[in-house]
């Protein structure tokens, strides 16, 4: 007879929140697509601090995730997460072409919580074919 598995410390996962040292620079990454807005806080090494926040995590479903109101709520959530972590010295990294990135930036800047060093906007979104152009047909003989 098989006995049920016992819970061991190895099977249990704990999420440790990392505190940021005073004056240490952090990054707020914002990705905005036509379907969702995703943001997180990370340090200079790229390690994510705390939790990733998206409009789907907050409770918006379907086409409501890409609205400006959902982006505003996500920005408020990321601001509260940053306060808990002790993040005040920030650079913003923005990617994507969705409608929510400007709302998130406006909310973060107007909160007056952070000292913003720089805003990096990655405008690299090409919708071209990755394989190149189609090869011409070979002529018949």
Protein backbone atom coordinates (compact mmCIF):
# COMPACT_ATOMS: atom_id res chain seq x y z
CA UNK A 1 0.00 0.00 0.00
CA UNK A 2 1.24 3.46 -0.88
CA UNK A 3 1.27 5.92 1.97
CA UNK A 4 0.56 9.62 1.29
CA UNK A 5 3.56 11.88 0.83
CA UNK A 6 4.61 13.76 3.91
CA UNK A 7 5.28 17.48 3.66
CA UNK A 8 8.96 18.15 4.00
CA UNK A 9 10.85 21.41 4.14
CA UNK A 10 12.25 20.66 0.71
CA UNK A 11 8.77 20.66 -0.87
CA UNK A 12 7.69 23.95 0.71
CA UNK A 13 8.65 27.13 -1.13
CA UNK A 14 8.89 30.46 0.61
CA UNK A 15 9.03 33.80 -1.12
CA UNK A 16 11.54 36.07 0.53
CA UNK A 17 11.20 39.77 -0.10
CA UNK A 18 14.52 41.52 -0.44
CA UNK A 19 15.01 44.93 1.11
CA UNK A 20 16.96 47.53 -0.81
CA UNK A 21 19.84 49.43 0.76
CA UNK A 22 19.45 53.18 1.15
CA UNK A 23 20.51 55.03 -1.99
CA UNK A 24 20.79 51.88 -4.11
CA UNK A 25 19.43 52.36 -7.62
CA UNK A 26 16.62 50.10 -8.80
CA UNK A 27 14.71 49.74 -12.03
CA UNK A 28 10.98 49.66 -12.69
CA UNK A 29 10.39 47.69 -15.87
CA UNK A 30 7.14 48.40 -17.73
CA UNK A 31 5.93 46.27 -20.63
CA UNK A 32 2.77 47.32 -22.37
CA UNK A 33 1.13 45.30 -25.12
CA UNK A 34 -2.26 45.59 -26.76
CA UNK A 35 -3.59 42.93 -24.38
CA UNK A 36 -1.93 43.57 -21.00
CA UNK A 37 0.38 45.80 -18.97
CA UNK A 38 3.15 44.13 -16.94
CA UNK A 39 5.57 45.82 -14.54
CA UNK A 40 8.12 44.75 -11.93
CA UNK A 41 10.89 46.13 -9.75
CA UNK A 42 14.45 44.84 -10.07
CA UNK A 43 17.91 45.80 -8.88
CA UNK A 44 20.97 46.60 -11.00
CA UNK A 45 21.86 42.92 -11.41
CA UNK A 46 18.40 42.22 -12.86
CA UNK A 47 17.09 40.25 -9.89
CA UNK A 48 13.37 40.84 -9.46
CA UNK A 49 12.44 42.27 -6.07
CA UNK A 50 9.01 41.37 -4.74
CA UNK A 51 6.25 40.38 -7.14
CA UNK A 52 5.51 41.10 -10.76
CA UNK A 53 2.37 43.19 -11.21
CA UNK A 54 0.10 42.88 -14.21
CA UNK A 55 -3.44 43.95 -14.89
CA UNK A 56 -4.47 40.30 -14.88
CA UNK A 57 -3.06 39.84 -11.35
CA UNK A 58 -5.15 42.73 -10.08
CA UNK A 59 -8.38 41.16 -11.28
CA UNK A 60 -9.07 42.54 -14.74
CA UNK A 61 -10.02 39.98 -17.37
CA UNK A 62 -10.28 39.98 -21.14
CA UNK A 63 -10.19 43.26 -23.00
CA UNK A 64 -10.37 45.26 -19.75
CA UNK A 65 -6.69 44.43 -19.07
CA UNK A 66 -5.50 46.78 -21.80
CA UNK A 67 -7.44 49.84 -20.62
CA UNK A 68 -5.92 52.98 -19.13
CA UNK A 69 -7.85 52.45 -15.87
CA UNK A 70 -6.32 48.99 -15.42
CA UNK A 71 -2.85 50.44 -16.10
CA UNK A 72 -3.45 53.12 -13.47
CA UNK A 73 -4.39 50.49 -10.88
CA UNK A 74 -1.29 48.44 -11.79
CA UNK A 75 0.89 51.54 -11.33
CA UNK A 76 -0.62 52.19 -7.89
CA UNK A 77 0.11 48.59 -6.94
CA UNK A 78 3.74 48.80 -8.10
CA UNK A 79 4.17 52.05 -6.13
CA UNK A 80 2.89 50.39 -2.95
CA UNK A 81 5.19 47.39 -3.54
CA UNK A 82 8.16 49.75 -3.96
CA UNK A 83 7.35 51.49 -0.67
CA UNK A 84 7.32 48.13 1.14
CA UNK A 85 10.71 47.24 -0.36
CA UNK A 86 12.23 50.62 0.45
CA UNK A 87 12.87 51.60 -3.17
CA UNK A 88 13.18 55.35 -3.73
CA UNK A 89 16.03 55.82 -6.24
CA UNK A 90 14.64 54.57 -9.57
CA UNK A 91 15.24 54.39 -13.31
CA UNK A 92 12.29 53.51 -15.55
CA UNK A 93 12.57 51.08 -18.46
CA UNK A 94 9.63 51.08 -20.86
CA UNK A 95 8.94 48.56 -23.62
CA UNK A 96 5.96 47.95 -25.84
CA UNK A 97 3.43 49.85 -27.88
CA UNK A 98 0.24 49.38 -25.89
CA UNK A 99 -1.92 52.22 -24.58
CA UNK A 100 -1.01 51.69 -20.91
CA UNK A 101 2.65 52.65 -20.72
CA UNK A 102 2.06 56.40 -20.75
CA UNK A 103 -0.53 56.09 -17.97
CA UNK A 104 1.85 54.03 -15.82
CA UNK A 105 4.69 56.55 -16.32
CA UNK A 106 2.40 59.49 -15.53
CA UNK A 107 1.19 57.79 -12.34
CA UNK A 108 4.71 56.92 -11.15
CA UNK A 109 6.08 60.41 -11.85
CA UNK A 110 3.13 62.22 -10.26
CA UNK A 111 3.29 60.09 -7.09
CA UNK A 112 6.39 62.03 -5.90
CA UNK A 113 7.61 58.89 -4.10
CA UNK A 114 10.66 58.21 -6.26
CA UNK A 115 13.75 60.10 -7.28
CA UNK A 116 13.74 59.28 -10.99
CA UNK A 117 17.21 59.17 -12.56
CA UNK A 118 16.32 58.39 -16.16
CA UNK A 119 13.58 57.04 -18.39
CA UNK A 120 14.71 54.49 -20.98
CA UNK A 121 12.24 53.86 -23.80
CA UNK A 122 13.00 50.83 -25.95
CA UNK A 123 11.29 51.56 -29.26
CA UNK A 124 12.42 48.35 -30.96
CA UNK A 125 9.25 46.73 -32.23
CA UNK A 126 9.46 45.64 -35.82
CA UNK A 127 6.69 43.53 -37.25
CA UNK A 128 8.68 42.32 -40.24
CA UNK A 129 9.13 38.75 -41.32
CA UNK A 130 12.12 37.26 -39.49
CA UNK A 131 12.96 34.95 -42.37
CA UNK A 132 13.45 37.82 -44.84
CA UNK A 133 11.63 38.35 -48.10
CA UNK A 134 10.15 35.49 -50.04
CA UNK A 135 12.52 34.08 -52.65
CA UNK A 136 11.42 34.59 -56.27
CA UNK A 137 10.07 31.64 -58.23
CA UNK A 138 12.53 29.77 -60.42
CA UNK A 139 11.85 30.24 -64.13
CA UNK A 140 10.38 27.37 -66.13
CA UNK A 141 12.48 25.80 -68.89
